[in-house]
C-alpha atoms as a PDB file:
ATOM      1  CA  MET A   1       0.000   0.000   0.000  1.00  0.00           C
ATOM      2  CA  SER A   2       1.339   3.444  -0.912  1.00  0.00           C
ATOM      3  CA  ILE A   3       1.881   6.123   1.746  1.00  0.00           C
ATOM      4  CA  GLY A   4      -1.053   8.111   0.344  1.00  0.00           C
ATOM      5  CA  ALA A   5      -3.326   5.086   0.420  1.00  0.00           C
ATOM      6  CA  GLN A   6      -2.231   4.419   3.996  1.00  0.00           C
ATOM      7  CA  ALA A   7      -3.227   7.947   5.006  1.00  0.00           C
ATOM      8  CA  VAL A   8      -6.701   7.536   3.489  1.00  0.00           C
ATOM      9  CA  ALA A   9      -7.177   4.160   5.141  1.00  0.00           C
ATOM     10  CA  LEU A  10      -6.090   5.511   8.516  1.00  0.00           C
ATOM     11  CA  ALA A  11      -8.542   8.408   8.258  1.00  0.00           C
ATOM     12  CA  GLU A  12     -11.399   5.963   7.705  1.00  0.00           C
ATOM     13  CA  GLN A  13     -10.673   3.846  10.779  1.00  0.00           C
ATOM     14  CA  PRO A  14     -12.887   3.988  13.893  1.00  0.00           C
ATOM     15  CA  SER A  15     -11.651   5.809  16.981  1.00  0.00           C
ATOM     16  CA  PRO A  16      -8.824   3.622  18.302  1.00  0.00           C
ATOM     17  CA  LEU A  17      -9.643   3.944  22.004  1.00  0.00           C
ATOM     18  CA  THR A  18     -12.839   1.919  21.797  1.00  0.00           C
ATOM     19  CA  HIS A  19     -13.817  -1.731  21.630  1.00  0.00           C
ATOM     20  CA  ASP A  20     -14.503  -1.307  17.901  1.00  0.00           C
ATOM     21  CA  GLY A  21     -11.131   0.358  17.478  1.00  0.00           C
ATOM     22  CA  VAL A  22      -9.402  -2.663  19.006  1.00  0.00           C
ATOM     23  CA  ASP A  23     -11.348  -5.046  16.769  1.00  0.00           C
ATOM     24  CA  ASP A  24     -10.439  -2.989  13.712  1.00  0.00           C
ATOM     25  CA  ALA A  25      -6.774  -2.943  14.714  1.00  0.00           C
ATOM     26  CA  ARG A  26      -6.866  -6.689  15.298  1.00  0.00           C
ATOM     27  CA  ARG A  27      -7.996  -7.269  11.720  1.00  0.00           C
ATOM     28  CA  ARG A  28      -5.461  -4.834  10.276  1.00  0.00           C
ATOM     29  CA  ILE A  29      -2.388  -6.380  11.894  1.00  0.00           C
ATOM     30  CA  ALA A  30      -3.516 -10.016  11.708  1.00  0.00           C
ATOM     31  CA  GLU A  31      -1.154 -10.820   8.835  1.00  0.00           C
ATOM     32  CA  ARG A  32       1.774  -8.878  10.309  1.00  0.00           C
ATOM     33  CA  VAL A  33       1.992 -10.443  13.751  1.00  0.00           C
ATOM     34  CA  ALA A  34       2.311 -14.043  14.833  1.00  0.00           C
ATOM     35  CA  ARG A  35      -0.933 -15.759  15.814  1.00  0.00           C
ATOM     36  CA  THR A  36       0.408 -16.869  19.161  1.00  0.00           C
ATOM     37  CA  PRO A  37      -1.254 -19.878  20.790  1.00  0.00           C
ATOM     38  CA  VAL A  38      -3.328 -20.013  23.931  1.00  0.00           C
ATOM     39  CA  VAL A  39      -1.664 -22.678  26.048  1.00  0.00           C
ATOM     40  CA  ARG A  40      -3.371 -24.907  28.592  1.00  0.00           C
ATOM     41  CA  SER A  41      -1.641 -27.168  31.106  1.00  0.00           C
ATOM     42  CA  GLU A  42      -3.475 -29.715  33.229  1.00  0.00           C
ATOM     43  CA  GLU A  43      -0.627 -29.677  35.720  1.00  0.00           C
ATOM     44  CA  LEU A  44      -0.713 -25.909  36.037  1.00  0.00           C
ATOM     45  CA  ASP A  45      -4.500 -25.978  36.369  1.00  0.00           C
ATOM     46  CA  ARG A  46      -4.155 -28.422  39.262  1.00  0.00           C
ATOM     47  CA  VAL A  47      -1.661 -26.136  40.982  1.00  0.00           C
ATOM     48  CA  ALA A  48      -3.960 -23.154  40.449  1.00  0.00           C
ATOM     49  CA  GLY A  49      -7.229 -24.872  41.265  1.00  0.00           C
ATOM     50  CA  ALA A  50      -8.697 -23.147  38.195  1.00  0.00           C
ATOM     51  CA  ARG A  51      -8.400 -23.230  34.422  1.00  0.00           C
ATOM     52  CA  LEU A  52      -5.626 -20.937  33.204  1.00  0.00           C
ATOM     53  CA  TRP A  53      -5.592 -19.887  29.549  1.00  0.00           C
ATOM     54  CA  LEU A  54      -2.110 -18.567  28.782  1.00  0.00           C
ATOM     55  CA  LYS A  55      -1.885 -16.204  25.802  1.00  0.00           C
ATOM     56  CA  ALA A  56       1.694 -16.990  24.763  1.00  0.00           C
ATOM     57  CA  GLU A  57       2.893 -13.592  23.559  1.00  0.00           C
ATOM     58  CA  ASN A  58       6.373 -14.698  24.572  1.00  0.00           C
ATOM     59  CA  LEU A  59       6.290 -16.330  21.108  1.00  0.00           C
ATOM     60  CA  GLN A  60       5.313 -13.092  19.342  1.00  0.00           C
ATOM     61  CA  THR A  61       7.460 -11.384  16.723  1.00  0.00           C
ATOM     62  CA  GLY A  62       9.998  -9.354  18.681  1.00  0.00           C
ATOM     63  CA  GLY A  63       9.434 -11.547  21.724  1.00  0.00           C
ATOM     64  CA  SER A  64       6.476  -9.653  23.206  1.00  0.00           C
ATOM     65  CA  PHE A  65       2.985  -8.237  22.691  1.00  0.00           C
ATOM     66  CA  LYS A  66       4.561  -4.800  22.285  1.00  0.00           C
ATOM     67  CA  MET A  67       4.991  -5.526  18.568  1.00  0.00           C
ATOM     68  CA  ARG A  68       1.264  -4.992  18.104  1.00  0.00           C
ATOM     69  CA  GLY A  69       1.132  -1.390  19.249  1.00  0.00           C
ATOM     70  CA  ALA A  70       4.447  -0.499  17.643  1.00  0.00           C
ATOM     71  CA  LEU A  71       3.227  -1.615  14.215  1.00  0.00           C
ATOM     72  CA  LEU A  72       0.120   0.555  14.428  1.00  0.00           C
ATOM     73  CA  ALA A  73       1.992   3.602  15.680  1.00  0.00           C
ATOM     74  CA  VAL A  74       4.802   3.368  13.118  1.00  0.00           C
ATOM     75  CA  GLU A  75       2.285   2.761  10.327  1.00  0.00           C
ATOM     76  CA  ARG A  76       0.495   5.997  11.171  1.00  0.00           C
ATOM     77  CA  LEU A  77       3.715   8.017  11.379  1.00  0.00           C
ATOM     78  CA  ALA A  78       5.077   6.566   8.149  1.00  0.00           C
ATOM     79  CA  GLY A  79       1.798   7.470   6.466  1.00  0.00           C
ATOM     80  CA  SER A  80       2.217  11.083   7.583  1.00  0.00           C
ATOM     81  CA  GLY A  81       5.749  11.355   6.198  1.00  0.00           C
ATOM     82  CA  SER A  82       7.836  10.830   9.342  1.00  0.00           C
ATOM     83  CA  LEU A  83      11.578  10.587   8.831  1.00  0.00           C
ATOM     84  CA  GLY A  84      12.353   8.834  12.096  1.00  0.00           C
ATOM     85  CA  VAL A  85      11.062   7.818  15.507  1.00  0.00           C
ATOM     86  CA  VAL A  86      12.212   7.898  19.101  1.00  0.00           C
ATOM     87  CA  ALA A  87      10.881   5.988  22.098  1.00  0.00           C
ATOM     88  CA  GLN A  88      11.815   5.355  25.695  1.00  0.00           C
ATOM     89  CA  SER A  89      11.371   1.908  27.184  1.00  0.00           C
ATOM     90  CA  THR A  90      12.738  -0.606  29.650  1.00  0.00           C
ATOM     91  CA  GLY A  91      13.260  -2.934  26.695  1.00  0.00           C
ATOM     92  CA  ASN A  92      10.398  -4.666  24.917  1.00  0.00           C
ATOM     93  CA  HIS A  93       8.683  -1.571  23.521  1.00  0.00           C
ATOM     94  CA  ALA A  94      12.053  -0.450  22.212  1.00  0.00           C
ATOM     95  CA  ILE A  95      12.631  -3.778  20.456  1.00  0.00           C
ATOM     96  CA  ALA A  96       9.175  -3.595  18.886  1.00  0.00           C
ATOM     97  CA  VAL A  97       9.598   0.005  17.704  1.00  0.00           C
ATOM     98  CA  ALA A  98      12.985  -0.846  16.220  1.00  0.00           C
ATOM     99  CA  LEU A  99      11.517  -3.765  14.274  1.00  0.00           C
ATOM    100  CA  ALA A 100       8.485  -1.793  13.084  1.00  0.00           C
ATOM    101  CA  ALA A 101      10.606   1.190  12.035  1.00  0.00           C
ATOM    102  CA  ALA A 102      12.914  -1.117  10.076  1.00  0.00           C
ATOM    103  CA  GLN A 103       9.922  -2.424   8.128  1.00  0.00           C
ATOM    104  CA  TYR A 104       9.138   1.125   6.991  1.00  0.00           C
ATOM    105  CA  GLY A 105      12.743   2.209   6.475  1.00  0.00           C
ATOM    106  CA  LEU A 106      12.599   4.778   9.278  1.00  0.00           C
ATOM    107  CA  GLU A 107      15.432   5.807  11.567  1.00  0.00           C
ATOM    108  CA  ALA A 108      14.834   4.692  15.156  1.00  0.00           C
ATOM    109  CA  VAL A 109      16.479   5.896  18.357  1.00  0.00           C
ATOM    110  CA  LEU A 110      15.593   4.049  21.564  1.00  0.00           C
ATOM    111  CA  VAL A 111      16.250   5.367  25.061  1.00  0.00           C
ATOM    112  CA  LEU A 112      16.710   2.719  27.753  1.00  0.00           C
ATOM    113  CA  PRO A 113      17.824   2.831  31.388  1.00  0.00           C
ATOM    114  CA  VAL A 114      21.498   2.340  32.106  1.00  0.00           C
ATOM    115  CA  ASP A 115      20.742  -0.980  33.778  1.00  0.00           C
ATOM    116  CA  ALA A 116      18.538  -2.344  30.979  1.00  0.00           C
ATOM    117  CA  ALA A 117      18.820  -6.073  30.320  1.00  0.00           C
ATOM    118  CA  PRO A 118      21.888  -6.594  28.089  1.00  0.00           C
ATOM    119  CA  THR A 119      19.999  -9.102  25.946  1.00  0.00           C
ATOM    120  CA  LYS A 120      17.431  -6.426  25.052  1.00  0.00           C
ATOM    121  CA  VAL A 121      20.072  -3.798  24.290  1.00  0.00           C
ATOM    122  CA  ARG A 122      21.879  -6.229  21.980  1.00  0.00           C
ATOM    123  CA  ARG A 123      18.639  -7.174  20.249  1.00  0.00           C
ATOM    124  CA  ILE A 124      17.854  -3.541  19.412  1.00  0.00           C
ATOM    125  CA  ARG A 125      21.338  -2.875  18.067  1.00  0.00           C
ATOM    126  CA  ASP A 126      21.235  -6.053  15.992  1.00  0.00           C
ATOM    127  CA  ILE A 127      18.054  -4.734  14.335  1.00  0.00           C
ATOM    128  CA  GLY A 128      20.021  -1.649  13.297  1.00  0.00           C
ATOM    129  CA  ALA A 129      18.526   0.973  15.623  1.00  0.00           C
ATOM    130  CA  GLN A 130      20.451   3.352  17.856  1.00  0.00           C
ATOM    131  CA  VAL A 131      20.398   2.829  21.618  1.00  0.00           C
ATOM    132  CA  LEU A 132      20.947   5.600  24.151  1.00  0.00           C
ATOM    133  CA  GLN A 133      20.967   4.820  27.858  1.00  0.00           C
ATOM    134  CA  ALA A 134      19.957   7.346  30.509  1.00  0.00           C
ATOM    135  CA  GLY A 135      19.529   6.994  34.249  1.00  0.00           C
ATOM    136  CA  THR A 136      17.209   4.515  35.901  1.00  0.00           C
ATOM    137  CA  THR A 137      13.959   6.474  36.181  1.00  0.00           C
ATOM    138  CA  LEU A 138      11.154   7.194  33.755  1.00  0.00           C
ATOM    139  CA  ALA A 139      11.697  10.949  34.102  1.00  0.00           C
ATOM    140  CA  GLU A 140      15.343  10.647  33.031  1.00  0.00           C
ATOM    141  CA  ARG A 141      14.424   8.726  29.890  1.00  0.00           C
ATOM    142  CA  ILE A 142      11.628  11.139  28.999  1.00  0.00           C
ATOM    143  CA  ALA A 143      14.040  14.095  29.271  1.00  0.00           C
ATOM    144  CA  VAL A 144      16.314  12.505  26.660  1.00  0.00           C
ATOM    145  CA  VAL A 145      13.361  11.785  24.366  1.00  0.00           C
ATOM    146  CA  GLU A 146      12.221  15.410  24.564  1.00  0.00           C
ATOM    147  CA  GLU A 147      15.710  16.622  23.655  1.00  0.00           C
ATOM    148  CA  LEU A 148      15.877  14.289  20.644  1.00  0.00           C
ATOM    149  CA  LYS A 149      12.482  15.464  19.419  1.00  0.00           C
ATOM    150  CA  LEU A 150      13.725  19.053  19.462  1.00  0.00           C
ATOM    151  CA  THR A 151      17.240  18.556  18.129  1.00  0.00           C
ATOM    152  CA  ARG A 152      16.686  15.811  15.547  1.00  0.00           C
ATOM    153  CA  GLY A 153      13.033  16.212  14.582  1.00  0.00           C
ATOM    154  CA  LEU A 154      12.137  12.654  15.538  1.00  0.00           C
ATOM    155  CA  ASP A 155       8.539  11.617  16.190  1.00  0.00           C
ATOM    156  CA  GLU A 156       7.899  10.055  19.588  1.00  0.00           C
ATOM    157  CA  ILE A 157       6.168   6.710  20.075  1.00  0.00           C
ATOM    158  CA  ASP A 158       5.343   6.771  23.754  1.00  0.00           C
ATOM    159  CA  PRO A 159       4.744   3.309  25.242  1.00  0.00           C
ATOM    160  CA  TYR A 160       1.848   4.470  27.423  1.00  0.00           C
ATOM    161  CA  GLN A 161       0.414   7.703  26.012  1.00  0.00           C
ATOM    162  CA  ASN A 162       0.140   6.839  22.319  1.00  0.00           C
ATOM    163  CA  PRO A 163      -3.451   5.797  21.396  1.00  0.00           C
ATOM    164  CA  ASP A 164      -2.250   3.447  18.637  1.00  0.00           C
ATOM    165  CA  VAL A 165       0.061   1.705  21.092  1.00  0.00           C
ATOM    166  CA  VAL A 166      -2.732   1.211  23.642  1.00  0.00           C
ATOM    167  CA  THR A 167      -5.097  -0.040  20.943  1.00  0.00           C
ATOM    168  CA  GLY A 168      -2.483  -2.401  19.565  1.00  0.00           C
ATOM    169  CA  GLN A 169      -1.782  -3.894  22.973  1.00  0.00           C
ATOM    170  CA  GLY A 170      -5.512  -4.468  23.335  1.00  0.00           C
ATOM    171  CA  THR A 171      -5.452  -6.760  20.310  1.00  0.00           C
ATOM    172  CA  ALA A 172      -3.552  -9.344  22.363  1.00  0.00           C
ATOM    173  CA  THR A 173      -6.467  -9.609  24.786  1.00  0.00           C
ATOM    174  CA  ALA A 174      -8.951  -9.534  21.891  1.00  0.00           C
ATOM    175  CA  ASP A 175      -7.130 -12.461  20.265  1.00  0.00           C
ATOM    176  CA  LEU A 176      -7.149 -14.291  23.588  1.00  0.00           C
ATOM    177  CA  LEU A 177     -10.915 -13.934  23.894  1.00  0.00           C
ATOM    178  CA  HIS A 178     -11.529 -15.131  20.323  1.00  0.00           C
ATOM    179  CA  GLN A 179      -9.257 -18.141  20.795  1.00  0.00           C
ATOM    180  CA  VAL A 180     -10.832 -19.162  24.093  1.00  0.00           C
ATOM    181  CA  ASN A 181     -14.313 -18.870  22.599  1.00  0.00           C
ATOM    182  CA  ALA A 182     -13.247 -20.924  19.566  1.00  0.00           C
ATOM    183  CA  ALA A 183     -12.053 -23.634  21.959  1.00  0.00           C
ATOM    184  CA  GLY A 184     -15.458 -23.713  23.647  1.00  0.00           C
ATOM    185  CA  GLY A 185     -14.346 -21.808  26.743  1.00  0.00           C
ATOM    186  CA  ARG A 186     -15.657 -18.722  28.487  1.00  0.00           C
ATOM    187  CA  LEU A 187     -13.396 -16.511  30.585  1.00  0.00           C
ATOM    188  CA  ASP A 188     -14.433 -15.079  33.941  1.00  0.00           C
ATOM    189  CA  ALA A 189     -11.376 -12.851  34.201  1.00  0.00           C
ATOM    190  CA  VAL A 190      -8.222 -11.673  32.468  1.00  0.00           C
ATOM    191  CA  VAL A 191      -4.970 -10.862  34.272  1.00  0.00           C
ATOM    192  CA  VAL A 192      -2.363  -8.649  32.607  1.00  0.00           C
ATOM    193  CA  PRO A 193       1.011  -7.352  33.797  1.00  0.00           C
ATOM    194  CA  VAL A 194       1.223  -3.646  34.610  1.00  0.00           C
ATOM    195  CA  GLY A 195       4.182  -1.406  33.961  1.00  0.00           C
ATOM    196  CA  GLY A 196       3.128   1.824  32.307  1.00  0.00           C
ATOM    197  CA  GLY A 197      -0.404   0.505  31.861  1.00  0.00           C
ATOM    198  CA  SER A 198      -0.899   0.093  28.094  1.00  0.00           C
ATOM    199  CA  ALA A 199      -1.703  -3.633  28.333  1.00  0.00           C
ATOM    200  CA  LEU A 200      -4.197  -2.981  31.119  1.00  0.00           C
ATOM    201  CA  ALA A 201      -5.940  -0.197  29.223  1.00  0.00           C
ATOM    202  CA  GLY A 202      -6.010  -2.286  26.062  1.00  0.00           C
ATOM    203  CA  ALA A 203      -7.510  -5.226  27.942  1.00  0.00           C
ATOM    204  CA  CYS A 204     -10.229  -2.991  29.365  1.00  0.00           C
ATOM    205  CA  LEU A 205     -11.118  -1.832  25.851  1.00  0.00           C
ATOM    206  CA  ALA A 206     -11.068  -5.372  24.438  1.00  0.00           C
ATOM    207  CA  THR A 207     -13.380  -6.770  27.135  1.00  0.00           C
ATOM    208  CA  THR A 208     -15.942  -3.958  27.005  1.00  0.00           C
ATOM    209  CA  GLY A 209     -19.487  -5.314  27.322  1.00  0.00           C
ATOM    210  CA  GLN A 210     -18.406  -8.937  27.819  1.00  0.00           C
ATOM    211  CA  ASP A 211     -18.817  -9.376  31.591  1.00  0.00           C
ATOM    212  CA  ILE A 212     -15.159 -10.307  32.048  1.00  0.00           C
ATOM    213  CA  ASP A 213     -13.228  -8.888  34.988  1.00  0.00           C
ATOM    214  CA  VAL A 214      -9.834  -7.350  34.216  1.00  0.00           C
ATOM    215  CA  TYR A 215      -7.103  -7.460  36.851  1.00  0.00           C
ATOM    216  CA  GLY A 216      -3.633  -5.971  36.832  1.00  0.00           C
ATOM    217  CA  ALA A 217      -0.549  -7.534  38.394  1.00  0.00           C
ATOM    218  CA  GLU A 218       2.563  -5.551  39.275  1.00  0.00           C
ATOM    219  CA  PRO A 219       5.716  -6.110  41.335  1.00  0.00           C
ATOM    220  CA  SER A 220       5.357  -5.040  44.945  1.00  0.00           C
ATOM    221  CA  ALA A 221       8.710  -3.324  44.360  1.00  0.00           C
ATOM    222  CA  VAL A 222       7.090  -0.930  41.855  1.00  0.00           C
ATOM    223  CA  PRO A 223       3.413  -0.521  42.834  1.00  0.00           C
ATOM    224  CA  ALA A 224       2.619   2.288  40.372  1.00  0.00           C
ATOM    225  CA  LEU A 225      -0.975   1.234  39.620  1.00  0.00           C
ATOM    226  CA  THR A 226      -1.788   0.535  43.256  1.00  0.00           C
ATOM    227  CA  ALA A 227      -0.509   3.977  44.210  1.00  0.00           C
ATOM    228  CA  ALA A 228      -2.407   5.653  41.366  1.00  0.00           C
ATOM    229  CA  LEU A 229      -5.705   4.031  42.331  1.00  0.00           C
ATOM    230  CA  ARG A 230      -5.231   5.152  45.931  1.00  0.00           C
ATOM    231  CA  ALA A 231      -4.245   8.698  44.947  1.00  0.00           C
ATOM    232  CA  GLY A 232      -6.932   9.134  42.319  1.00  0.00           C
ATOM    233  CA  GLY A 233      -4.382   9.602  39.538  1.00  0.00           C
ATOM    234  CA  PRO A 234      -0.859   8.708  38.428  1.00  0.00           C
ATOM    235  CA  VAL A 235       1.871   9.362  40.972  1.00  0.00           C
ATOM    236  CA  THR A 236       5.577   8.586  40.958  1.00  0.00           C
ATOM    237  CA  VAL A 237       6.532   5.778  43.339  1.00  0.00           C
ATOM    238  CA  ASP A 238       9.858   4.874  44.898  1.00  0.00           C
ATOM    239  CA  ALA A 239      10.868   1.958  42.702  1.00  0.00           C
ATOM    240  CA  ARG A 240      12.919  -0.790  44.300  1.00  0.00           C
ATOM    241  CA  PRO A 241      14.910  -3.405  42.355  1.00  0.00           C
ATOM    242  CA  THR A 242      12.852  -6.174  40.761  1.00  0.00           C
ATOM    243  CA  ILE A 243      13.566  -9.139  38.511  1.00  0.00           C
ATOM    244  CA  ALA A 244      10.516  -8.028  36.469  1.00  0.00           C
ATOM    245  CA  ASP A 245      12.528  -5.487  34.482  1.00  0.00           C
ATOM    246  CA  GLY A 246       9.682  -5.006  32.005  1.00  0.00           C
ATOM    247  CA  LEU A 247       7.467  -3.630  34.780  1.00  0.00           C
ATOM    248  CA  ARG A 248       9.823  -0.989  36.157  1.00  0.00           C
ATOM    249  CA  PRO A 249       8.101   2.277  35.162  1.00  0.00           C
ATOM    250  CA  ASP A 250       7.689   4.218  38.395  1.00  0.00           C
ATOM    251  CA  ARG A 251       4.541   5.963  37.196  1.00  0.00           C
ATOM    252  CA  ILE A 252       1.536   4.679  35.263  1.00  0.00           C
ATOM    253  CA  GLY A 253       0.635   6.626  32.140  1.00  0.00           C
ATOM    254  CA  GLN A 254      -2.185   9.157  32.348  1.00  0.00           C
ATOM    255  CA  LEU A 255      -3.972   7.746  29.289  1.00  0.00           C
ATOM    256  CA  PRO A 256      -3.971   4.139  30.539  1.00  0.00           C
ATOM    257  CA  TYR A 257      -5.102   5.333  33.953  1.00  0.00           C
ATOM    258  CA  ASP A 258      -7.980   7.322  32.446  1.00  0.00           C
ATOM    259  CA  LEU A 259      -9.114   4.306  30.422  1.00  0.00           C
ATOM    260  CA  ALA A 260      -8.742   1.696  33.153  1.00  0.00           C
ATOM    261  CA  HIS A 261      -9.307   3.133  36.619  1.00  0.00           C
ATOM    262  CA  ASP A 262     -13.106   2.827  36.541  1.00  0.00           C
ATOM    263  CA  THR A 263     -13.011  -0.562  34.824  1.00  0.00           C
ATOM    264  CA  VAL A 264     -10.217  -2.607  36.379  1.00  0.00           C
ATOM    265  CA  ALA A 265     -11.539  -5.057  38.945  1.00  0.00           C
ATOM    266  CA  GLY A 266      -8.394  -5.022  41.081  1.00  0.00           C
ATOM    267  CA  VAL A 267      -4.623  -5.122  41.145  1.00  0.00           C
ATOM    268  CA  PHE A 268      -2.316  -7.715  42.658  1.00  0.00           C
ATOM    269  CA  THR A 269       1.067  -6.668  44.007  1.00  0.00           C
ATOM    270  CA  ILE A 270       3.449  -9.590  43.663  1.00  0.00           C
ATOM    271  CA  ASP A 271       6.633 -10.113  45.649  1.00  0.00           C
ATOM    272  CA  GLU A 272       9.866 -11.320  44.082  1.00  0.00           C
ATOM    273  CA  ASP A 273       9.640 -14.906  45.329  1.00  0.00           C
ATOM    274  CA  ALA A 274       6.134 -15.281  43.921  1.00  0.00           C
ATOM    275  CA  ILE A 275       7.261 -13.919  40.544  1.00  0.00           C
ATOM    276  CA  ALA A 276      10.152 -16.377  40.447  1.00  0.00           C
ATOM    277  CA  GLU A 277       7.932 -19.283  41.470  1.00  0.00           C
ATOM    278  CA  ALA A 278       5.389 -18.457  38.755  1.00  0.00           C
ATOM    279  CA  LEU A 279       8.180 -18.398  36.167  1.00  0.00           C
ATOM    280  CA  ARG A 280       9.312 -21.838  37.325  1.00  0.00           C
ATOM    281  CA  LEU A 281       5.773 -23.235  37.261  1.00  0.00           C
ATOM    282  CA  VAL A 282       5.155 -22.054  33.706  1.00  0.00           C
ATOM    283  CA  LEU A 283       8.470 -23.433  32.493  1.00  0.00           C
ATOM    284  CA  VAL A 284       8.001 -26.818  34.157  1.00  0.00           C
ATOM    285  CA  HIS A 285       4.283 -27.355  33.539  1.00  0.00           C
ATOM    286  CA  ALA A 286       3.496 -25.344  30.389  1.00  0.00           C
ATOM    287  CA  ARG A 287       6.947 -25.654  28.796  1.00  0.00           C
ATOM    288  CA  LEU A 288       7.108 -21.923  28.106  1.00  0.00           C
ATOM    289  CA  VAL A 289      10.155 -19.723  28.703  1.00  0.00           C
ATOM    290  CA  ILE A 290       8.812 -16.371  29.859  1.00  0.00           C
ATOM    291  CA  GLU A 291      10.042 -13.113  31.313  1.00  0.00           C
ATOM    292  CA  PRO A 292       9.539 -12.286  34.996  1.00  0.00           C
ATOM    293  CA  ALA A 293       7.155  -9.536  33.822  1.00  0.00           C
ATOM    294  CA  ALA A 294       4.951 -12.214  32.266  1.00  0.00           C
ATOM    295  CA  ALA A 295       5.342 -14.388  35.356  1.00  0.00           C
ATOM    296  CA  THR A 296       3.990 -11.496  37.418  1.00  0.00           C
ATOM    297  CA  ALA A 297       0.660 -11.834  35.611  1.00  0.00           C
ATOM    298  CA  VAL A 298       0.701 -15.604  36.137  1.00  0.00           C
ATOM    299  CA  ALA A 299       1.314 -15.059  39.854  1.00  0.00           C
ATOM    300  CA  GLY A 300      -1.652 -12.682  39.914  1.00  0.00           C
ATOM    301  CA  ALA A 301      -3.823 -15.323  38.242  1.00  0.00           C
ATOM    302  CA  LEU A 302      -2.724 -17.907  40.806  1.00  0.00           C
ATOM    303  CA  ARG A 303      -3.739 -15.557  43.605  1.00  0.00           C
ATOM    304  CA  LEU A 304      -7.071 -14.811  41.948  1.00  0.00           C
ATOM    305  CA  ALA A 305      -7.741 -18.533  41.623  1.00  0.00           C
ATOM    306  CA  ALA A 306      -6.755 -19.143  45.258  1.00  0.00           C
ATOM    307  CA  GLU A 307      -9.279 -16.527  46.348  1.00  0.00           C
ATOM    308  CA  GLY A 308     -11.985 -18.433  44.466  1.00  0.00           C
ATOM    309  CA  ARG A 309     -13.112 -15.405  42.459  1.00  0.00           C
ATOM    310  CA  ALA A 310     -12.741 -16.980  39.001  1.00  0.00           C
ATOM    311  CA  ARG A 311     -12.675 -20.437  37.455  1.00  0.00           C
ATOM    312  CA  ASP A 312     -11.537 -19.620  33.918  1.00  0.00           C
ATOM    313  CA  ILE A 313      -8.744 -17.055  33.869  1.00  0.00           C
ATOM    314  CA  GLY A 314      -6.996 -15.666  30.808  1.00  0.00           C
ATOM    315  CA  VAL A 315      -3.421 -14.550  31.352  1.00  0.00           C
ATOM    316  CA  LEU A 316      -1.463 -12.266  29.044  1.00  0.00           C
ATOM    317  CA  VAL A 317       1.945 -13.944  29.046  1.00  0.00           C
ATOM    318  CA  SER A 318       3.478 -10.758  27.809  1.00  0.00           C
ATOM    319  CA  GLY A 319       6.980 -11.660  26.648  1.00  0.00           C
ATOM    320  CA  GLY A 320       9.903 -14.033  26.417  1.00  0.00           C
ATOM    321  CA  ASN A 321      12.949 -11.747  26.068  1.00  0.00           C
ATOM    322  CA  VAL A 322      14.615 -13.109  29.161  1.00  0.00           C
ATOM    323  CA  ASP A 323      18.284 -13.619  29.883  1.00  0.00           C
ATOM    324  CA  THR A 324      19.057 -17.338  30.030  1.00  0.00           C
ATOM    325  CA  GLY A 325      21.360 -16.770  32.963  1.00  0.00           C
ATOM    326  CA  LEU A 326      18.467 -15.291  34.950  1.00  0.00           C
ATOM    327  CA  VAL A 327      16.269 -18.261  34.111  1.00  0.00           C
ATOM    328  CA  ALA A 328      19.001 -20.656  35.256  1.00  0.00           C
ATOM    329  CA  SER A 329      19.492 -18.767  38.515  1.00  0.00           C
ATOM    330  CA  LEU A 330      15.755 -18.715  39.247  1.00  0.00           C
ATOM    331  CA  LEU A 331      15.407 -22.414  38.511  1.00  0.00           C
ATOM    332  CA  GLY A 332      18.229 -23.143  40.928  1.00  0.00           C
ATOM    333  CA  HIS A 333      16.902 -20.942  43.744  1.00  0.00           C
ATOM    334  CA  ARG A 334      14.000 -21.727  46.030  1.00  0.00           C
ATOM    335  CA  PRO A 335      12.541 -19.143  48.442  1.00  0.00           C
ATOM    336  CA  SER A 336      13.410 -19.711  52.072  1.00  0.00           C
END
């Protein structure tokens, strides 16, 4: 499709931040993303005491669900004549933006924290994008992005505030629902990991009108959503170290908060041992290698099942870009 044709097509699309917008986006990117499976494990179900439906986005192009939103956002910018993009991320959004930009021949500069996972930094550079590293906080990364927008004329693809990104992330939950229904199932709840909040907001859009509860799960070390719900809006939290590097943003995005705060059924704060144990359970019983960020959502689903509030639980297993050394260390360590 030509750039001009893309612009016309984009203008005719429904508003992205709606259930219909998510469904439209799901159809548009269907041939450009992997149709990741929904995995069931009898052993894991027995551990949980409920049926867990794992949406295996760890097998997605780019290693995470973030590819979905990045494709939509880059498509729109390419259609408007952008010469290059910039984004800040703890890793997976950056990988996805780099891959999407490469498809459209756009320059991409990604801003990561100085302690970003080395495997993610290498992956971005191997794609051909530029990596800059700045500080450890969200505010430090945003400051670099703002400077690059001014000095180099790059267009920003924010991982939380961009409507196309939020809509794209919602297609992962929409696919999950379609796949569960096709298998003859019916979900009571969906659990998604929470960093900046785009997956949560997207899940709320995707489940609109379907009587399915949406829960967030975040590390207790970085309780940004919990703090926002208590404060009545996004606030910056004191982030402590966590193995869930994909969930390190110390403040939830305003747009995701606006979309989700009246809809989300609850949020689970998960400690480090529970995250590690969930990662081990998924590897052993479901044979999936996942990131601690994804394991955080699984741990939330296990807690939801233990509380007896749902029998069929969908889980967004958000990514698989995990360092093998970390996996080995977690497999060899048991909580005291």
